[in-house]
Amino acid sequence: MVKKLLVGLILSFLVLGCTNNTSQSNQSFFETYRHTQIGDNSNVGGILSSLEWDNPYNGFELFTNEEPYGMLIHFDGPLTSENMVANASYLFTLIDNLDYVIYETSNDTLQIYRQELEDFYQIPFNEIESQDQLDLLINGHDLGLFFDGIPKG
């Protein structure tokens, strides 16, 4: 009886400990990279490496000589529109002065502007204070609809 109780307590601590570490890990990622500037190549690379992509990225370029500031991310394979919008949301939230992101894939080149995505969400990225808030925002929208509202041209 005591042995079963001890095993149960140990398992409970392990489960709670693992769950708590994951949450702390996600929050520390957000806090580590929050307020990055586009010219900080090391932090931008760290953000890109930490995001989940449909296909691995194989390089990036930063455009920092004049405003608007942007970045180009190269991929060998395709990306879903949902993946592009979700990761652009992270990039705009974490990199304060990033104005646009260009995704160059094996079959397409797409550009997302900060202002267009803020209009889609109806909130400025600089008002997002936590990763949980950002995740709720992303999960609360049909990201596939983002490109439907962008004029072609």
N, C-alpha and C. Protein backbone atom coordinates (compact mmCIF):
# COMPACT_ATOMS: atom_id res chain seq x y z
N MET A 1 0.81 -1.18 0.00
CA MET A 1 0.00 0.00 0.00
C MET A 1 0.87 1.27 0.00
N VAL A 2 1.84 1.31 0.91
CA VAL A 2 2.73 2.45 0.99
C VAL A 2 3.57 2.56 -0.29
N LYS A 3 3.97 1.41 -0.82
CA LYS A 3 4.77 1.39 -2.05
C LYS A 3 3.97 1.99 -3.21
N LYS A 4 2.69 1.64 -3.33
CA LYS A 4 1.84 2.19 -4.39
C LYS A 4 1.67 3.69 -4.24
N LEU A 5 1.52 4.15 -2.99
CA LEU A 5 1.36 5.56 -2.71
C LEU A 5 2.62 6.33 -3.10
N LEU A 6 3.78 5.77 -2.76
CA LEU A 6 5.05 6.41 -3.12
C LEU A 6 5.24 6.48 -4.63
N VAL A 7 4.93 5.40 -5.33
CA VAL A 7 5.04 5.39 -6.78
C VAL A 7 4.11 6.43 -7.38
N GLY A 8 2.89 6.52 -6.85
CA GLY A 8 1.92 7.51 -7.33
C GLY A 8 2.40 8.93 -7.12
N LEU A 9 2.97 9.21 -5.96
CA LEU A 9 3.49 10.54 -5.67
C LEU A 9 4.67 10.89 -6.58
N ILE A 10 5.56 9.95 -6.77
CA ILE A 10 6.72 10.19 -7.64
C ILE A 10 6.26 10.48 -9.07
N LEU A 11 5.32 9.68 -9.57
CA LEU A 11 4.80 9.91 -10.93
C LEU A 11 4.12 11.27 -11.03
N SER A 12 3.38 11.66 -10.01
CA SER A 12 2.72 12.97 -10.01
C SER A 12 3.74 14.09 -10.08
N PHE A 13 4.80 14.00 -9.29
CA PHE A 13 5.84 15.03 -9.31
C PHE A 13 6.53 15.09 -10.66
N LEU A 14 6.78 13.94 -11.26
CA LEU A 14 7.42 13.91 -12.58
C LEU A 14 6.54 14.57 -13.63
N VAL A 15 5.26 14.23 -13.63
CA VAL A 15 4.34 14.81 -14.62
C VAL A 15 4.23 16.31 -14.42
N LEU A 16 4.02 16.74 -13.18
CA LEU A 16 3.91 18.17 -12.91
C LEU A 16 5.21 18.90 -13.23
N GLY A 17 6.32 18.30 -12.91
CA GLY A 17 7.62 18.91 -13.19
C GLY A 17 7.84 19.07 -14.68
N CYS A 18 7.52 18.07 -15.48
CA CYS A 18 7.70 18.15 -16.94
C CYS A 18 6.78 19.18 -17.55
N THR A 19 5.54 19.23 -17.10
CA THR A 19 4.58 20.20 -17.62
C THR A 19 5.05 21.61 -17.30
N ASN A 20 5.48 21.85 -16.10
CA ASN A 20 5.92 23.16 -15.68
C ASN A 20 7.16 23.60 -16.44
N ASN A 21 8.10 22.70 -16.66
CA ASN A 21 9.32 23.04 -17.40
C ASN A 21 9.02 23.44 -18.83
N THR A 22 8.06 22.76 -19.47
CA THR A 22 7.70 23.11 -20.84
C THR A 22 7.16 24.52 -20.90
N SER A 23 6.28 24.86 -19.97
CA SER A 23 5.70 26.19 -19.93
C SER A 23 6.78 27.24 -19.67
N GLN A 24 7.68 26.96 -18.74
CA GLN A 24 8.77 27.89 -18.45
C GLN A 24 9.69 28.01 -19.65
N SER A 25 9.94 26.91 -20.35
CA SER A 25 10.81 26.93 -21.52
C SER A 25 10.23 27.81 -22.62
N ASN A 26 8.91 27.65 -22.89
CA ASN A 26 8.26 28.48 -23.90
C ASN A 26 8.32 29.95 -23.51
N GLN A 27 8.05 30.25 -22.25
CA GLN A 27 8.04 31.63 -21.80
C GLN A 27 9.45 32.20 -21.83
N SER A 28 10.47 31.41 -21.50
CA SER A 28 11.84 31.93 -21.53
C SER A 28 12.28 32.20 -22.97
N PHE A 29 11.81 31.39 -23.94
CA PHE A 29 12.09 31.67 -25.35
C PHE A 29 11.55 33.05 -25.71
N PHE A 30 10.29 33.29 -25.34
CA PHE A 30 9.64 34.55 -25.64
C PHE A 30 10.39 35.71 -24.97
N GLU A 31 10.69 35.56 -23.70
CA GLU A 31 11.38 36.62 -22.95
C GLU A 31 12.81 36.85 -23.46
N THR A 32 13.49 35.78 -23.86
CA THR A 32 14.86 35.91 -24.36
C THR A 32 14.91 36.75 -25.62
N TYR A 33 13.97 36.53 -26.52
CA TYR A 33 14.02 37.18 -27.82
C TYR A 33 13.11 38.40 -27.96
N ARG A 34 12.29 38.69 -26.97
CA ARG A 34 11.40 39.84 -27.03
C ARG A 34 12.23 41.12 -27.13
N HIS A 35 11.83 42.03 -27.98
CA HIS A 35 12.48 43.32 -28.22
C HIS A 35 13.80 43.19 -28.97
N THR A 36 13.96 42.11 -29.73
CA THR A 36 15.11 41.98 -30.63
C THR A 36 14.99 43.05 -31.71
N GLN A 37 16.12 43.50 -32.22
CA GLN A 37 16.15 44.45 -33.34
C GLN A 37 16.58 43.69 -34.59
N ILE A 38 16.09 44.11 -35.75
CA ILE A 38 16.36 43.40 -37.00
C ILE A 38 17.86 43.30 -37.29
N GLY A 39 18.65 44.23 -36.82
CA GLY A 39 20.10 44.18 -37.07
C GLY A 39 20.85 43.20 -36.20
N ASP A 40 20.20 42.58 -35.23
CA ASP A 40 20.84 41.62 -34.34
C ASP A 40 20.79 40.24 -34.98
N ASN A 41 21.75 39.98 -35.86
CA ASN A 41 21.80 38.75 -36.65
C ASN A 41 21.75 37.50 -35.78
N SER A 42 22.42 37.51 -34.66
CA SER A 42 22.47 36.34 -33.78
C SER A 42 21.09 36.02 -33.20
N ASN A 43 20.41 37.03 -32.68
CA ASN A 43 19.08 36.80 -32.12
C ASN A 43 18.06 36.44 -33.20
N VAL A 44 18.15 37.09 -34.35
CA VAL A 44 17.23 36.76 -35.44
C VAL A 44 17.42 35.29 -35.85
N GLY A 45 18.67 34.87 -35.96
CA GLY A 45 18.95 33.47 -36.28
C GLY A 45 18.43 32.53 -35.20
N GLY A 46 18.55 32.93 -33.94
CA GLY A 46 18.03 32.13 -32.84
C GLY A 46 16.52 31.99 -32.90
N ILE A 47 15.84 33.07 -33.24
CA ILE A 47 14.38 33.02 -33.37
C ILE A 47 13.99 32.07 -34.50
N LEU A 48 14.61 32.25 -35.66
CA LEU A 48 14.29 31.41 -36.82
C LEU A 48 14.53 29.94 -36.52
N SER A 49 15.60 29.63 -35.81
CA SER A 49 15.92 28.24 -35.47
C SER A 49 14.94 27.66 -34.47
N SER A 50 14.30 28.50 -33.68
CA SER A 50 13.38 28.03 -32.64
C SER A 50 11.96 27.84 -33.14
N LEU A 51 11.62 28.45 -34.27
CA LEU A 51 10.26 28.35 -34.79
C LEU A 51 10.04 27.01 -35.50
N GLU A 52 8.79 26.58 -35.55
CA GLU A 52 8.45 25.34 -36.24
C GLU A 52 8.08 25.67 -37.68
N TRP A 53 8.78 25.04 -38.62
CA TRP A 53 8.58 25.29 -40.05
C TRP A 53 8.08 24.02 -40.72
N ASP A 54 7.29 24.18 -41.80
CA ASP A 54 6.86 23.03 -42.60
C ASP A 54 8.07 22.34 -43.23
N ASN A 55 9.05 23.11 -43.63
CA ASN A 55 10.32 22.63 -44.18
C ASN A 55 11.43 23.47 -43.57
N PRO A 56 12.61 22.89 -43.36
CA PRO A 56 13.70 23.67 -42.76
C PRO A 56 14.09 24.85 -43.65
N TYR A 57 14.42 25.97 -43.01
CA TYR A 57 14.93 27.10 -43.79
C TYR A 57 16.41 26.87 -44.05
N ASN A 58 16.91 27.41 -45.17
CA ASN A 58 18.32 27.18 -45.50
C ASN A 58 19.11 28.48 -45.62
N GLY A 59 18.62 29.53 -44.99
CA GLY A 59 19.34 30.79 -44.96
C GLY A 59 18.38 31.96 -44.88
N PHE A 60 18.93 33.09 -44.49
CA PHE A 60 18.11 34.29 -44.43
C PHE A 60 18.98 35.51 -44.71
N GLU A 61 18.33 36.57 -45.15
CA GLU A 61 18.99 37.85 -45.40
C GLU A 61 18.23 38.93 -44.65
N LEU A 62 18.97 39.89 -44.09
CA LEU A 62 18.35 41.00 -43.39
C LEU A 62 18.53 42.26 -44.23
N PHE A 63 17.47 43.05 -44.31
CA PHE A 63 17.52 44.32 -45.04
C PHE A 63 17.43 45.44 -44.01
N THR A 64 18.61 45.99 -43.66
CA THR A 64 18.69 46.93 -42.56
C THR A 64 19.28 48.28 -42.95
N ASN A 65 19.58 48.49 -44.22
CA ASN A 65 20.21 49.75 -44.63
C ASN A 65 19.27 50.93 -44.57
N GLU A 66 18.00 50.71 -44.87
CA GLU A 66 17.02 51.79 -44.82
C GLU A 66 15.64 51.21 -44.52
N GLU A 67 14.79 52.07 -43.97
CA GLU A 67 13.42 51.65 -43.69
C GLU A 67 12.63 51.57 -44.97
N PRO A 68 11.67 50.69 -45.07
CA PRO A 68 11.25 49.71 -44.07
C PRO A 68 12.26 48.56 -43.96
N TYR A 69 12.44 48.06 -42.74
CA TYR A 69 13.38 46.97 -42.48
C TYR A 69 12.68 45.63 -42.70
N GLY A 70 13.42 44.68 -43.28
CA GLY A 70 12.81 43.40 -43.56
C GLY A 70 13.78 42.25 -43.54
N MET A 71 13.25 41.09 -43.87
CA MET A 71 14.07 39.89 -43.95
C MET A 71 13.52 38.98 -45.03
N LEU A 72 14.44 38.24 -45.63
CA LEU A 72 14.11 37.23 -46.63
C LEU A 72 14.56 35.89 -46.07
N ILE A 73 13.65 34.91 -46.06
CA ILE A 73 13.97 33.58 -45.54
C ILE A 73 13.84 32.60 -46.69
N HIS A 74 14.91 31.81 -46.93
CA HIS A 74 14.96 30.85 -48.04
C HIS A 74 14.58 29.45 -47.56
N PHE A 75 13.76 28.76 -48.37
CA PHE A 75 13.34 27.38 -48.10
C PHE A 75 13.49 26.55 -49.36
N ASP A 76 13.88 25.29 -49.20
CA ASP A 76 13.95 24.38 -50.34
C ASP A 76 12.58 23.80 -50.69
N GLY A 77 11.73 23.68 -49.71
CA GLY A 77 10.41 23.10 -49.93
C GLY A 77 9.31 24.10 -49.70
N PRO A 78 8.07 23.69 -49.96
CA PRO A 78 6.93 24.60 -49.81
C PRO A 78 6.56 24.81 -48.34
N LEU A 79 5.80 25.87 -48.09
CA LEU A 79 5.24 26.18 -46.77
C LEU A 79 3.74 26.38 -46.93
N THR A 80 3.00 26.03 -45.91
CA THR A 80 1.57 26.33 -45.94
C THR A 80 1.38 27.81 -45.58
N SER A 81 0.28 28.36 -46.03
CA SER A 81 0.01 29.76 -45.69
C SER A 81 -0.14 29.92 -44.18
N GLU A 82 -0.72 28.92 -43.52
CA GLU A 82 -0.87 28.98 -42.07
C GLU A 82 0.47 29.04 -41.36
N ASN A 83 1.43 28.25 -41.84
CA ASN A 83 2.77 28.24 -41.24
C ASN A 83 3.46 29.59 -41.45
N MET A 84 3.32 30.16 -42.64
CA MET A 84 3.94 31.46 -42.91
C MET A 84 3.35 32.56 -42.03
N VAL A 85 2.03 32.58 -41.90
CA VAL A 85 1.37 33.62 -41.11
C VAL A 85 1.69 33.46 -39.63
N ALA A 86 1.63 32.24 -39.11
CA ALA A 86 1.93 32.00 -37.70
C ALA A 86 3.36 32.42 -37.36
N ASN A 87 4.31 32.04 -38.19
CA ASN A 87 5.70 32.38 -37.90
C ASN A 87 5.98 33.86 -38.13
N ALA A 88 5.31 34.48 -39.09
CA ALA A 88 5.44 35.94 -39.25
C ALA A 88 4.91 36.64 -38.01
N SER A 89 3.85 36.09 -37.42
CA SER A 89 3.30 36.67 -36.19
C SER A 89 4.34 36.66 -35.07
N TYR A 90 5.04 35.55 -34.95
CA TYR A 90 6.12 35.47 -33.97
C TYR A 90 7.23 36.47 -34.29
N LEU A 91 7.64 36.52 -35.55
CA LEU A 91 8.73 37.42 -35.94
C LEU A 91 8.37 38.88 -35.66
N PHE A 92 7.17 39.30 -36.02
CA PHE A 92 6.76 40.69 -35.80
C PHE A 92 6.61 41.00 -34.31
N THR A 93 6.21 40.02 -33.52
CA THR A 93 6.06 40.25 -32.09
C THR A 93 7.42 40.34 -31.40
N LEU A 94 8.36 39.51 -31.81
CA LEU A 94 9.65 39.45 -31.15
C LEU A 94 10.65 40.48 -31.67
N ILE A 95 10.56 40.85 -32.93
CA ILE A 95 11.52 41.79 -33.54
C ILE A 95 10.80 43.12 -33.71
N ASP A 96 11.13 44.06 -32.83
CA ASP A 96 10.39 45.32 -32.75
C ASP A 96 10.35 46.12 -34.05
N ASN A 97 11.46 46.17 -34.78
CA ASN A 97 11.51 47.05 -35.95
C ASN A 97 11.47 46.29 -37.28
N LEU A 98 10.93 45.09 -37.26
CA LEU A 98 10.73 44.32 -38.49
C LEU A 98 9.45 44.77 -39.16
N ASP A 99 9.55 45.22 -40.42
CA ASP A 99 8.39 45.74 -41.14
C ASP A 99 7.80 44.74 -42.13
N TYR A 100 8.62 43.82 -42.65
CA TYR A 100 8.11 42.83 -43.60
C TYR A 100 8.97 41.59 -43.59
N VAL A 101 8.34 40.47 -43.99
CA VAL A 101 9.01 39.17 -44.13
C VAL A 101 8.73 38.66 -45.53
N ILE A 102 9.77 38.21 -46.22
CA ILE A 102 9.62 37.58 -47.53
C ILE A 102 9.97 36.11 -47.37
N TYR A 103 9.05 35.24 -47.80
CA TYR A 103 9.30 33.81 -47.81
C TYR A 103 9.60 33.40 -49.25
N GLU A 104 10.78 32.85 -49.45
CA GLU A 104 11.16 32.33 -50.77
C GLU A 104 11.23 30.81 -50.68
N THR A 105 10.26 30.14 -51.33
CA THR A 105 10.19 28.69 -51.28
C THR A 105 10.54 28.11 -52.65
N SER A 106 10.48 26.80 -52.74
CA SER A 106 10.81 26.12 -54.00
C SER A 106 9.83 26.48 -55.11
N ASN A 107 8.63 26.91 -54.75
CA ASN A 107 7.63 27.17 -55.79
C ASN A 107 7.00 28.56 -55.74
N ASP A 108 7.41 29.43 -54.81
CA ASP A 108 6.75 30.72 -54.69
C ASP A 108 7.57 31.69 -53.86
N THR A 109 7.25 32.96 -53.99
CA THR A 109 7.80 34.00 -53.13
C THR A 109 6.63 34.83 -52.62
N LEU A 110 6.49 34.92 -51.30
CA LEU A 110 5.39 35.66 -50.69
C LEU A 110 5.93 36.64 -49.66
N GLN A 111 5.28 37.78 -49.56
CA GLN A 111 5.70 38.82 -48.64
C GLN A 111 4.54 39.15 -47.71
N ILE A 112 4.87 39.31 -46.42
CA ILE A 112 3.89 39.70 -45.42
C ILE A 112 4.39 40.97 -44.75
N TYR A 113 3.54 41.97 -44.70
CA TYR A 113 3.86 43.23 -44.03
C TYR A 113 3.27 43.25 -42.63
N ARG A 114 4.01 43.83 -41.70
CA ARG A 114 3.56 43.96 -40.31
C ARG A 114 2.17 44.58 -40.25
N GLN A 115 1.98 45.71 -40.93
CA GLN A 115 0.71 46.43 -40.84
C GLN A 115 -0.46 45.58 -41.33
N GLU A 116 -0.26 44.82 -42.39
CA GLU A 116 -1.33 43.97 -42.91
C GLU A 116 -1.72 42.89 -41.90
N LEU A 117 -0.73 42.34 -41.23
CA LEU A 117 -1.01 41.28 -40.25
C LEU A 117 -1.63 41.87 -38.98
N GLU A 118 -1.18 43.06 -38.58
CA GLU A 118 -1.83 43.73 -37.45
C GLU A 118 -3.29 44.05 -37.77
N ASP A 119 -3.57 44.47 -39.00
CA ASP A 119 -4.95 44.73 -39.42
C ASP A 119 -5.78 43.44 -39.38
N PHE A 120 -5.19 42.34 -39.79
CA PHE A 120 -5.86 41.04 -39.78
C PHE A 120 -6.26 40.65 -38.35
N TYR A 121 -5.31 40.80 -37.41
CA TYR A 121 -5.56 40.45 -36.01
C TYR A 121 -6.32 41.54 -35.25
N GLN A 122 -6.25 42.77 -35.75
CA GLN A 122 -6.84 43.94 -35.10
C GLN A 122 -6.18 44.25 -33.76
N ILE A 123 -4.85 44.07 -33.72
CA ILE A 123 -4.06 44.43 -32.54
C ILE A 123 -2.62 44.67 -32.98
N PRO A 124 -1.98 45.72 -32.47
CA PRO A 124 -0.55 45.93 -32.77
C PRO A 124 0.31 44.88 -32.05
N PHE A 125 1.33 44.40 -32.73
CA PHE A 125 2.19 43.37 -32.13
C PHE A 125 2.90 43.87 -30.87
N ASN A 126 3.16 45.17 -30.78
CA ASN A 126 3.86 45.66 -29.58
C ASN A 126 2.98 45.64 -28.34
N GLU A 127 1.68 45.33 -28.49
CA GLU A 127 0.80 45.20 -27.33
C GLU A 127 0.72 43.77 -26.82
N ILE A 128 1.33 42.84 -27.51
CA ILE A 128 1.33 41.43 -27.09
C ILE A 128 2.42 41.26 -26.05
N GLU A 129 2.03 40.80 -24.87
CA GLU A 129 2.95 40.78 -23.74
C GLU A 129 3.48 39.41 -23.35
N SER A 130 2.93 38.34 -23.94
CA SER A 130 3.40 37.01 -23.55
C SER A 130 3.21 36.04 -24.71
N GLN A 131 3.90 34.93 -24.64
CA GLN A 131 3.75 33.90 -25.65
C GLN A 131 2.35 33.30 -25.59
N ASP A 132 1.80 33.16 -24.40
CA ASP A 132 0.44 32.64 -24.28
C ASP A 132 -0.56 33.55 -25.00
N GLN A 133 -0.41 34.86 -24.85
CA GLN A 133 -1.30 35.80 -25.52
C GLN A 133 -1.15 35.70 -27.04
N LEU A 134 0.09 35.57 -27.51
CA LEU A 134 0.33 35.43 -28.95
C LEU A 134 -0.27 34.12 -29.47
N ASP A 135 -0.06 33.03 -28.75
CA ASP A 135 -0.62 31.74 -29.18
C ASP A 135 -2.14 31.77 -29.23
N LEU A 136 -2.78 32.42 -28.25
CA LEU A 136 -4.24 32.56 -28.27
C LEU A 136 -4.70 33.36 -29.48
N LEU A 137 -3.96 34.41 -29.80
CA LEU A 137 -4.29 35.24 -30.96
C LEU A 137 -4.19 34.42 -32.25
N ILE A 138 -3.09 33.71 -32.41
CA ILE A 138 -2.87 32.89 -33.61
C ILE A 138 -3.94 31.80 -33.72
N ASN A 139 -4.17 31.09 -32.63
CA ASN A 139 -5.13 29.98 -32.64
C ASN A 139 -6.58 30.44 -32.77
N GLY A 140 -6.84 31.70 -32.49
CA GLY A 140 -8.19 32.23 -32.58
C GLY A 140 -8.57 32.74 -33.96
N HIS A 141 -7.68 32.58 -34.93
CA HIS A 141 -7.94 33.06 -36.29
C HIS A 141 -7.70 31.95 -37.31
N ASP A 142 -8.44 31.99 -38.38
CA ASP A 142 -8.21 31.08 -39.50
C ASP A 142 -7.10 31.70 -40.36
N LEU A 143 -5.87 31.28 -40.12
CA LEU A 143 -4.72 31.90 -40.76
C LEU A 143 -4.72 31.74 -42.28
N GLY A 144 -5.40 30.70 -42.76
CA GLY A 144 -5.49 30.50 -44.20
C GLY A 144 -6.23 31.62 -44.91
N LEU A 145 -7.03 32.38 -44.17
CA LEU A 145 -7.80 33.48 -44.75
C LEU A 145 -6.98 34.77 -44.91
N PHE A 146 -5.80 34.83 -44.28
CA PHE A 146 -5.00 36.06 -44.31
C PHE A 146 -4.72 36.51 -45.74
N PHE A 147 -4.25 35.61 -46.59
CA PHE A 147 -3.88 36.00 -47.95
C PHE A 147 -5.09 36.32 -48.81
N ASP A 148 -6.28 35.87 -48.41
CA ASP A 148 -7.50 36.22 -49.16
C ASP A 148 -7.80 37.71 -49.07
N GLY A 149 -7.40 38.36 -47.96
CA GLY A 149 -7.69 39.78 -47.77
C GLY A 149 -6.63 40.71 -48.30
N ILE A 150 -5.55 40.16 -48.89
CA ILE A 150 -4.45 40.97 -49.40
C ILE A 150 -4.67 41.20 -50.89
N PRO A 151 -4.67 42.46 -51.34
CA PRO A 151 -4.83 42.72 -52.77
C PRO A 151 -3.67 42.12 -53.58
N LYS A 152 -3.99 41.52 -54.68
CA LYS A 152 -2.97 40.96 -55.56
C LYS A 152 -2.38 42.09 -56.40
N GLY A 153 -1.09 42.01 -56.66
CA GLY A 153 -0.56 43.07 -57.49
C GLY A 153 0.87 43.13 -57.39
